[in-house]
PDB file of N, CA and C in Angstrom:
ATOM      1  N   MET A   1     211.882  78.808  96.866  1.00  0.00           N
ATOM      2  CA  MET A   1     211.280  80.080  96.604  1.00  0.00           C
ATOM      3  C   MET A   1     211.821  81.068  97.625  1.00  0.00           C
ATOM      4  N   ALA A   2     212.157  82.256  97.173  1.00  0.00           N
ATOM      5  CA  ALA A   2     212.748  83.256  98.050  1.00  0.00           C
ATOM      6  C   ALA A   2     211.680  83.880  98.934  1.00  0.00           C
ATOM      7  N   HIS A   3     212.087  84.250 100.128  1.00  0.00           N
ATOM      8  CA  HIS A   3     211.172  84.900 101.064  1.00  0.00           C
ATOM      9  C   HIS A   3     211.095  86.379 100.740  1.00  0.00           C
ATOM     10  N   ASN A   4     209.890  86.907 100.620  1.00  0.00           N
ATOM     11  CA  ASN A   4     209.705  88.328 100.319  1.00  0.00           C
ATOM     12  C   ASN A   4     209.288  89.027 101.600  1.00  0.00           C
ATOM     13  N   PRO A   5     210.192  89.864 102.181  1.00  0.00           N
ATOM     14  CA  PRO A   5     209.841  90.536 103.446  1.00  0.00           C
ATOM     15  C   PRO A   5     208.776  91.610 103.263  1.00  0.00           C
ATOM     16  N   HIS A   6     208.515  92.057 102.023  1.00  0.00           N
ATOM     17  CA  HIS A   6     207.534  93.105 101.788  1.00  0.00           C
ATOM     18  C   HIS A   6     206.144  92.545 101.509  1.00  0.00           C
ATOM     19  N   ALA A   7     206.046  91.254 101.389  1.00  0.00           N
ATOM     20  CA  ALA A   7     204.746  90.639 101.136  1.00  0.00           C
ATOM     21  C   ALA A   7     203.887  90.737 102.391  1.00  0.00           C
ATOM     22  N   PRO A   8     202.581  90.915 102.217  1.00  0.00           N
ATOM     23  CA  PRO A   8     201.714  90.986 103.411  1.00  0.00           C
ATOM     24  C   PRO A   8     201.718  89.659 104.143  1.00  0.00           C
ATOM     25  N   GLN A   9     201.881  89.739 105.433  1.00  0.00           N
ATOM     26  CA  GLN A   9     201.917  88.542 106.271  1.00  0.00           C
ATOM     27  C   GLN A   9     200.613  88.460 107.049  1.00  0.00           C
ATOM     28  N   GLY A  10     199.755  87.544 106.661  1.00  0.00           N
ATOM     29  CA  GLY A  10     198.481  87.363 107.341  1.00  0.00           C
ATOM     30  C   GLY A  10     198.611  86.309 108.429  1.00  0.00           C
ATOM     31  N   PRO A  11     197.533  86.041 109.096  1.00  0.00           N
ATOM     32  CA  PRO A  11     197.571  85.021 110.150  1.00  0.00           C
ATOM     33  C   PRO A  11     197.838  83.623 109.595  1.00  0.00           C
ATOM     34  N   ASP A  12     197.370  83.347 108.389  1.00  0.00           N
ATOM     35  CA  ASP A  12     197.569  82.035 107.779  1.00  0.00           C
ATOM     36  C   ASP A  12     197.992  82.244 106.328  1.00  0.00           C
ATOM     37  N   PRO A  13     199.277  82.038 105.992  1.00  0.00           N
ATOM     38  CA  PRO A  13     199.713  82.295 104.622  1.00  0.00           C
ATOM     39  C   PRO A  13     199.102  81.351 103.587  1.00  0.00           C
ATOM     40  N   SER A  14     198.580  80.196 104.002  1.00  0.00           N
ATOM     41  CA  SER A  14     197.955  79.293 103.040  1.00  0.00           C
ATOM     42  C   SER A  14     196.527  79.705 102.721  1.00  0.00           C
ATOM     43  N   GLN A  15     195.949  80.617 103.488  1.00  0.00           N
ATOM     44  CA  GLN A  15     194.587  81.096 103.267  1.00  0.00           C
ATOM     45  C   GLN A  15     194.590  82.114 102.144  1.00  0.00           C
ATOM     46  N   ASP A  16     193.681  81.986 101.191  1.00  0.00           N
ATOM     47  CA  ASP A  16     193.546  82.930 100.088  1.00  0.00           C
ATOM     48  C   ASP A  16     192.899  84.199 100.633  1.00  0.00           C
ATOM     49  N   PRO A  17     193.606  85.352 100.608  1.00  0.00           N
ATOM     50  CA  PRO A  17     193.033  86.553 101.223  1.00  0.00           C
ATOM     51  C   PRO A  17     191.762  87.043 100.533  1.00  0.00           C
ATOM     52  N   ALA A  18     191.653  86.832  99.228  1.00  0.00           N
ATOM     53  CA  ALA A  18     190.455  87.282  98.527  1.00  0.00           C
ATOM     54  C   ALA A  18     189.321  86.269  98.632  1.00  0.00           C
ATOM     55  N   GLY A  19     189.643  85.046  98.987  1.00  0.00           N
ATOM     56  CA  GLY A  19     188.628  84.013  99.104  1.00  0.00           C
ATOM     57  C   GLY A  19     188.201  83.438  97.774  1.00  0.00           C
ATOM     58  N   SER A  20     188.899  83.781  96.691  1.00  0.00           N
ATOM     59  CA  SER A  20     188.455  83.317  95.376  1.00  0.00           C
ATOM     60  C   SER A  20     188.605  81.807  95.235  1.00  0.00           C
ATOM     61  N   THR A  21     189.640  81.242  95.831  1.00  0.00           N
ATOM     62  CA  THR A  21     189.810  79.793  95.740  1.00  0.00           C
ATOM     63  C   THR A  21     188.679  79.074  96.455  1.00  0.00           C
ATOM     64  N   GLN A  22     188.333  79.567  97.631  1.00  0.00           N
ATOM     65  CA  GLN A  22     187.245  78.939  98.379  1.00  0.00           C
ATOM     66  C   GLN A  22     185.918  79.116  97.656  1.00  0.00           C
ATOM     67  N   MET A  23     185.711  80.282  97.048  1.00  0.00           N
ATOM     68  CA  MET A  23     184.463  80.493  96.314  1.00  0.00           C
ATOM     69  C   MET A  23     184.398  79.595  95.090  1.00  0.00           C
ATOM     70  N   PHE A  24     185.535  79.413  94.399  1.00  0.00           N
ATOM     71  CA  PHE A  24     185.553  78.537  93.238  1.00  0.00           C
ATOM     72  C   PHE A  24     185.247  77.104  93.648  1.00  0.00           C
ATOM     73  N   ARG A  25     185.877  76.643  94.714  1.00  0.00           N
ATOM     74  CA  ARG A  25     185.621  75.274  95.184  1.00  0.00           C
ATOM     75  C   ARG A  25     184.163  75.100  95.582  1.00  0.00           C
ATOM     76  N   ALA A  26     183.584  76.106  96.230  1.00  0.00           N
ATOM     77  CA  ALA A  26     182.174  76.018  96.604  1.00  0.00           C
ATOM     78  C   ALA A  26     181.297  75.966  95.365  1.00  0.00           C
ATOM     79  N   PHE A  27     181.654  76.741  94.327  1.00  0.00           N
ATOM     80  CA  PHE A  27     180.890  76.720  93.080  1.00  0.00           C
ATOM     81  C   PHE A  27     180.974  75.371  92.405  1.00  0.00           C
ATOM     82  N   VAL A  28     182.166  74.790  92.346  1.00  0.00           N
ATOM     83  CA  VAL A  28     182.345  73.489  91.712  1.00  0.00           C
ATOM     84  C   VAL A  28     181.586  72.424  92.489  1.00  0.00           C
ATOM     85  N   ASP A  29     181.671  72.474  93.816  1.00  0.00           N
ATOM     86  CA  ASP A  29     180.941  71.499  94.620  1.00  0.00           C
ATOM     87  C   ASP A  29     179.440  71.648  94.441  1.00  0.00           C
ATOM     88  N   GLU A  30     178.972  72.887  94.299  1.00  0.00           N
ATOM     89  CA  GLU A  30     177.547  73.122  94.104  1.00  0.00           C
ATOM     90  C   GLU A  30     177.090  72.584  92.754  1.00  0.00           C
ATOM     91  N   GLU A  31     177.891  72.793  91.705  1.00  0.00           N
ATOM     92  CA  GLU A  31     177.538  72.325  90.370  1.00  0.00           C
ATOM     93  C   GLU A  31     177.544  70.809  90.286  1.00  0.00           C
ATOM     94  N   SER A  32     178.486  70.167  90.981  1.00  0.00           N
ATOM     95  CA  SER A  32     178.581  68.713  90.889  1.00  0.00           C
ATOM     96  C   SER A  32     177.703  68.016  91.919  1.00  0.00           C
ATOM     97  N   GLY A  33     176.997  68.777  92.733  1.00  0.00           N
ATOM     98  CA  GLY A  33     176.105  68.168  93.712  1.00  0.00           C
ATOM     99  C   GLY A  33     176.791  67.906  95.036  1.00  0.00           C
ATOM    100  N   GLY A  34     177.967  68.456  95.250  1.00  0.00           N
ATOM    101  CA  GLY A  34     178.666  68.268  96.510  1.00  0.00           C
ATOM    102  C   GLY A  34     179.608  67.088  96.448  1.00  0.00           C
ATOM    103  N   ALA A  35     180.431  66.986  97.456  1.00  0.00           N
ATOM    104  CA  ALA A  35     181.420  65.907  97.492  1.00  0.00           C
ATOM    105  C   ALA A  35     180.718  64.570  97.713  1.00  0.00           C
ATOM    106  N   GLY A  36     181.010  63.621  96.877  1.00  0.00           N
ATOM    107  CA  GLY A  36     180.472  62.275  97.025  1.00  0.00           C
ATOM    108  C   GLY A  36     179.059  62.107  96.516  1.00  0.00           C
ATOM    109  N   ALA A  37     178.463  63.151  95.997  1.00  0.00           N
ATOM    110  CA  ALA A  37     177.086  63.031  95.500  1.00  0.00           C
ATOM    111  C   ALA A  37     177.094  62.426  94.101  1.00  0.00           C
ATOM    112  N   GLN A  38     176.066  61.675  93.803  1.00  0.00           N
ATOM    113  CA  GLN A  38     175.960  61.071  92.480  1.00  0.00           C
ATOM    114  C   GLN A  38     175.157  61.993  91.579  1.00  0.00           C
ATOM    115  N   ARG A  39     175.559  62.053  90.326  1.00  0.00           N
ATOM    116  CA  ARG A  39     174.830  62.863  89.362  1.00  0.00           C
ATOM    117  C   ARG A  39     173.599  62.105  88.902  1.00  0.00           C
ATOM    118  N   PRO A  40     172.595  62.831  88.422  1.00  0.00           N
ATOM    119  CA  PRO A  40     171.431  62.141  87.875  1.00  0.00           C
ATOM    120  C   PRO A  40     171.805  61.344  86.638  1.00  0.00           C
ATOM    121  N   ALA A  41     170.998  60.339  86.326  1.00  0.00           N
ATOM    122  CA  ALA A  41     171.300  59.455  85.200  1.00  0.00           C
ATOM    123  C   ALA A  41     171.313  60.224  83.879  1.00  0.00           C
ATOM    124  N   ALA A  42     170.500  61.266  83.762  1.00  0.00           N
ATOM    125  CA  ALA A  42     170.456  62.036  82.523  1.00  0.00           C
ATOM    126  C   ALA A  42     171.771  62.766  82.287  1.00  0.00           C
ATOM    127  N   ALA A  43     172.446  63.170  83.346  1.00  0.00           N
ATOM    128  CA  ALA A  43     173.712  63.890  83.191  1.00  0.00           C
ATOM    129  C   ALA A  43     174.842  62.931  82.837  1.00  0.00           C
ATOM    130  N   GLN A  44     174.709  61.668  83.184  1.00  0.00           N
ATOM    131  CA  GLN A  44     175.775  60.706  82.922  1.00  0.00           C
ATOM    132  C   GLN A  44     175.698  60.152  81.509  1.00  0.00           C
ATOM    133  N   ALA A  45     174.519  59.883  81.022  1.00  0.00           N
ATOM    134  CA  ALA A  45     174.364  59.275  79.699  1.00  0.00           C
ATOM    135  C   ALA A  45     174.276  60.366  78.645  1.00  0.00           C
ATOM    136  N   PRO A  46     175.036  60.257  77.566  1.00  0.00           N
ATOM    137  CA  PRO A  46     174.934  61.253  76.503  1.00  0.00           C
ATOM    138  C   PRO A  46     173.591  61.134  75.790  1.00  0.00           C
ATOM    139  N   SER A  47     173.097  62.252  75.299  1.00  0.00           N
ATOM    140  CA  SER A  47     171.808  62.216  74.614  1.00  0.00           C
ATOM    141  C   SER A  47     171.966  61.541  73.262  1.00  0.00           C
ATOM    142  N   SER A  48     170.870  61.044  72.734  1.00  0.00           N
ATOM    143  CA  SER A  48     170.918  60.349  71.452  1.00  0.00           C
ATOM    144  C   SER A  48     170.781  61.319  70.292  1.00  0.00           C
ATOM    145  N   GLY A  49     170.682  62.630  70.544  1.00  0.00           N
ATOM    146  CA  GLY A  49     170.526  63.626  69.496  1.00  0.00           C
ATOM    147  C   GLY A  49     171.642  63.595  68.462  1.00  0.00           C
ATOM    148  N   PRO A  50     172.904  63.702  68.855  1.00  0.00           N
ATOM    149  CA  PRO A  50     173.984  63.685  67.859  1.00  0.00           C
ATOM    150  C   PRO A  50     174.054  62.363  67.094  1.00  0.00           C
ATOM    151  N   ARG A  51     173.749  61.268  67.743  1.00  0.00           N
ATOM    152  CA  ARG A  51     173.787  59.966  67.083  1.00  0.00           C
ATOM    153  C   ARG A  51     172.721  59.894  65.994  1.00  0.00           C
ATOM    154  N   VAL A  52     171.529  60.401  66.269  1.00  0.00           N
ATOM    155  CA  VAL A  52     170.457  60.389  65.282  1.00  0.00           C
ATOM    156  C   VAL A  52     170.844  61.273  64.102  1.00  0.00           C
ATOM    157  N   GLY A  53     171.445  62.426  64.376  1.00  0.00           N
ATOM    158  CA  GLY A  53     171.879  63.306  63.304  1.00  0.00           C
ATOM    159  C   GLY A  53     172.939  62.668  62.435  1.00  0.00           C
ATOM    160  N   LEU A  54     173.841  61.919  63.040  1.00  0.00           N
ATOM    161  CA  LEU A  54     174.884  61.226  62.286  1.00  0.00           C
ATOM    162  C   LEU A  54     174.274  60.168  61.374  1.00  0.00           C
ATOM    163  N   ILE A  55     173.322  59.423  61.886  1.00  0.00           N
ATOM    164  CA  ILE A  55     172.676  58.379  61.086  1.00  0.00           C
ATOM    165  C   ILE A  55     171.927  59.009  59.910  1.00  0.00           C
ATOM    166  N   VAL A  56     171.200  60.086  60.155  1.00  0.00           N
ATOM    167  CA  VAL A  56     170.468  60.761  59.077  1.00  0.00           C
ATOM    168  C   VAL A  56     171.445  61.290  58.043  1.00  0.00           C
ATOM    169  N   GLY A  57     172.570  61.838  58.483  1.00  0.00           N
ATOM    170  CA  GLY A  57     173.574  62.338  57.550  1.00  0.00           C
ATOM    171  C   GLY A  57     174.161  61.250  56.684  1.00  0.00           C
ATOM    172  N   VAL A  58     174.459  60.107  57.275  1.00  0.00           N
ATOM    173  CA  VAL A  58     175.017  58.991  56.515  1.00  0.00           C
ATOM    174  C   VAL A  58     174.002  58.478  55.502  1.00  0.00           C
ATOM    175  N   VAL A  59     172.751  58.367  55.908  1.00  0.00           N
ATOM    176  CA  VAL A  59     171.709  57.918  54.984  1.00  0.00           C
ATOM    177  C   VAL A  59     171.559  58.913  53.828  1.00  0.00           C
ATOM    178  N   ALA A  60     171.628  60.206  54.117  1.00  0.00           N
ATOM    179  CA  ALA A  60     171.518  61.217  53.066  1.00  0.00           C
ATOM    180  C   ALA A  60     172.696  61.126  52.090  1.00  0.00           C
ATOM    181  N   VAL A  61     173.892  60.918  52.602  1.00  0.00           N
ATOM    182  CA  VAL A  61     175.067  60.786  51.722  1.00  0.00           C
ATOM    183  C   VAL A  61     174.930  59.554  50.846  1.00  0.00           C
ATOM    184  N   ILE A  62     174.475  58.452  51.404  1.00  0.00           N
ATOM    185  CA  ILE A  62     174.290  57.223  50.618  1.00  0.00           C
ATOM    186  C   ILE A  62     173.244  57.447  49.529  1.00  0.00           C
ATOM    187  N   ALA A  63     172.167  58.173  49.861  1.00  0.00           N
ATOM    188  CA  ALA A  63     171.128  58.442  48.867  1.00  0.00           C
ATOM    189  C   ALA A  63     171.660  59.319  47.737  1.00  0.00           C
ATOM    190  N   VAL A  64     172.471  60.315  48.063  1.00  0.00           N
ATOM    191  CA  VAL A  64     173.034  61.184  47.030  1.00  0.00           C
ATOM    192  C   VAL A  64     173.993  60.405  46.144  1.00  0.00           C
ATOM    193  N   VAL A  65     174.837  59.578  46.731  1.00  0.00           N
ATOM    194  CA  VAL A  65     175.778  58.770  45.940  1.00  0.00           C
ATOM    195  C   VAL A  65     175.015  57.784  45.059  1.00  0.00           C
ATOM    196  N   ALA A  66     173.978  57.159  45.605  1.00  0.00           N
ATOM    197  CA  ALA A  66     173.191  56.213  44.805  1.00  0.00           C
ATOM    198  C   ALA A  66     172.496  56.933  43.655  1.00  0.00           C
ATOM    199  N   ALA A  67     171.990  58.139  43.892  1.00  0.00           N
ATOM    200  CA  ALA A  67     171.344  58.881  42.815  1.00  0.00           C
ATOM    201  C   ALA A  67     172.355  59.280  41.747  1.00  0.00           C
ATOM    202  N   ALA A  68     173.556  59.653  42.145  1.00  0.00           N
ATOM    203  CA  ALA A  68     174.598  60.015  41.170  1.00  0.00           C
ATOM    204  C   ALA A  68     175.006  58.812  40.336  1.00  0.00           C
ATOM    205  N   VAL A  69     175.130  57.659  40.974  1.00  0.00           N
ATOM    206  CA  VAL A  69     175.479  56.430  40.225  1.00  0.00           C
ATOM    207  C   VAL A  69     174.339  56.065  39.270  1.00  0.00           C
ATOM    208  N   TRP A  70     173.101  56.187  39.732  1.00  0.00           N
ATOM    209  CA  TRP A  70     171.953  55.849  38.885  1.00  0.00           C
ATOM    210  C   TRP A  70     171.892  56.755  37.658  1.00  0.00           C
ATOM    211  N   LEU A  71     172.161  58.071  37.864  1.00  0.00           N
ATOM    212  CA  LEU A  71     172.146  59.011  36.746  1.00  0.00           C
ATOM    213  C   LEU A  71     173.322  58.732  35.787  1.00  0.00           C
ATOM    214  N   ALA A  72     174.458  58.313  36.322  1.00  0.00           N
ATOM    215  CA  ALA A  72     175.615  58.035  35.477  1.00  0.00           C
ATOM    216  C   ALA A  72     175.387  56.765  34.640  1.00  0.00           C
ATOM    217  N   VAL A  73     174.709  55.785  35.172  1.00  0.00           N
ATOM    218  CA  VAL A  73     174.470  54.528  34.491  1.00  0.00           C
ATOM    219  C   VAL A  73     173.335  54.684  33.470  1.00  0.00           C
ATOM    220  N   ALA A  74     172.315  55.426  33.811  1.00  0.00           N
ATOM    221  CA  ALA A  74     171.140  55.533  32.954  1.00  0.00           C
ATOM    222  C   ALA A  74     171.343  56.395  31.740  1.00  0.00           C
TER     223      ALA A  74
END
């Protein structure tokens, strides 16, 4: 990478001057409970809501197909 002599030269070039990277990392650490923290069991296990909806949907499709076959045969 070429050196830009017109770029602002701060005391530490690896430091983000706006602090947005540090703020983002702090936000992510806060959301995840910090480094090395374990999440609650509810956050780890998926809810059974979508699974129940899938089962109800499959049962409804089977009922509609069975009713169509019954009407076609009768």
